[in-house]
Amino acid sequence: MVVSLADMKTGEVGVVTDIQGGSGAARKIQNIGITVGKKIKKTGAHFRRGPQTLSVDNFNVAIGFGMASKILVEVKR
């Protein structure tokens, strides 16, 4: 099932399938290590539309809700 990172549940693991948005947003996302084919784990989220935390290559990263909604992830539920 493909969902946005913002829609993933805490603790779920998936593989990035697409990064939507303009070239600037895609570049920012790629600069923090999130690329197509990368395995990520959502480690937390602030209530409602707040920051999303995730683990990428054993690094913890926090990104905004808007940026998280541009990252599509294949999740096995």
Protein backbone atom coordinates (compact mmCIF):
# COMPACT_ATOMS: atom_id res chain seq x y z
CA MET A 1 0.00 0.00 0.00
CA VAL A 2 1.43 3.39 -1.01
CA VAL A 3 0.79 6.26 1.42
CA SER A 4 2.42 9.58 2.18
CA LEU A 5 4.92 9.70 5.01
CA ALA A 6 2.50 11.98 6.85
CA ASP A 7 -0.16 9.23 6.72
CA MET A 8 2.12 6.47 8.03
CA LYS A 9 1.59 5.29 11.59
CA THR A 10 4.34 5.58 14.16
CA GLY A 11 6.55 2.48 14.05
CA GLU A 12 5.75 1.58 10.44
CA VAL A 13 8.58 0.84 8.02
CA GLY A 14 8.47 1.39 4.28
CA VAL A 15 10.41 2.12 1.12
CA VAL A 16 10.26 5.52 -0.58
CA THR A 17 8.59 5.18 -3.99
CA ASP A 18 8.27 8.82 -5.10
CA ILE A 19 9.00 12.39 -4.03
CA GLN A 20 6.37 14.83 -5.25
CA GLY A 21 6.52 18.60 -5.51
CA GLY A 22 8.87 21.01 -7.20
CA SER A 23 12.58 20.64 -7.71
CA GLY A 24 13.36 22.77 -4.64
CA ALA A 25 11.33 20.58 -2.30
CA ALA A 26 12.71 17.40 -3.85
CA ARG A 27 16.28 18.69 -3.47
CA LYS A 28 15.74 19.53 0.23
CA ILE A 29 14.30 16.08 0.87
CA GLN A 30 17.18 14.37 -0.95
CA ASN A 31 19.75 16.49 0.92
CA ILE A 32 18.64 14.97 4.22
CA GLY A 33 19.12 11.46 2.86
CA ILE A 34 15.61 10.56 1.74
CA THR A 35 15.74 9.21 -1.81
CA VAL A 36 13.63 6.85 -3.92
CA GLY A 37 14.34 3.26 -2.86
CA LYS A 38 15.47 4.23 0.64
CA LYS A 39 14.05 2.30 3.61
CA ILE A 40 12.64 4.58 6.31
CA LYS A 41 10.88 4.14 9.65
CA LYS A 42 8.46 6.67 11.10
CA THR A 43 9.44 7.14 14.73
CA GLY A 44 6.95 9.79 15.78
CA ALA A 45 4.64 12.63 14.91
CA HIS A 46 3.34 15.71 16.64
CA PHE A 47 -0.39 15.95 17.20
CA ARG A 48 -2.29 16.89 14.02
CA ARG A 49 -0.12 18.69 11.44
CA GLY A 50 3.12 19.05 13.35
CA PRO A 51 6.65 17.76 12.74
CA GLN A 52 7.19 14.14 11.70
CA THR A 53 10.24 12.22 12.96
CA LEU A 54 11.78 9.31 11.13
CA SER A 55 14.85 7.13 10.96
CA VAL A 56 16.90 7.04 7.75
CA ASP A 57 20.20 5.10 7.60
CA ASN A 58 20.33 4.99 11.44
CA PHE A 59 19.95 8.79 11.64
CA ASN A 60 16.95 10.50 13.21
CA VAL A 61 15.41 13.26 11.11
CA ALA A 62 12.52 15.66 11.77
CA ILE A 63 10.63 17.24 8.89
CA GLY A 64 7.51 19.36 8.60
CA PHE A 65 4.08 17.95 7.83
CA GLY A 66 3.96 19.57 4.38
CA MET A 67 7.27 18.07 3.34
CA ALA A 68 6.26 14.67 4.77
CA SER A 69 3.09 14.72 2.68
CA LYS A 70 5.22 14.94 -0.51
CA ILE A 71 7.05 11.69 0.23
CA LEU A 72 5.25 8.56 -0.97
CA VAL A 73 6.13 5.32 0.78
CA GLU A 74 5.30 1.66 0.08
CA VAL A 75 4.22 0.25 3.46
CA LYS A 76 3.60 -3.43 4.14
CA ARG A 77 0.76 -3.70 6.65
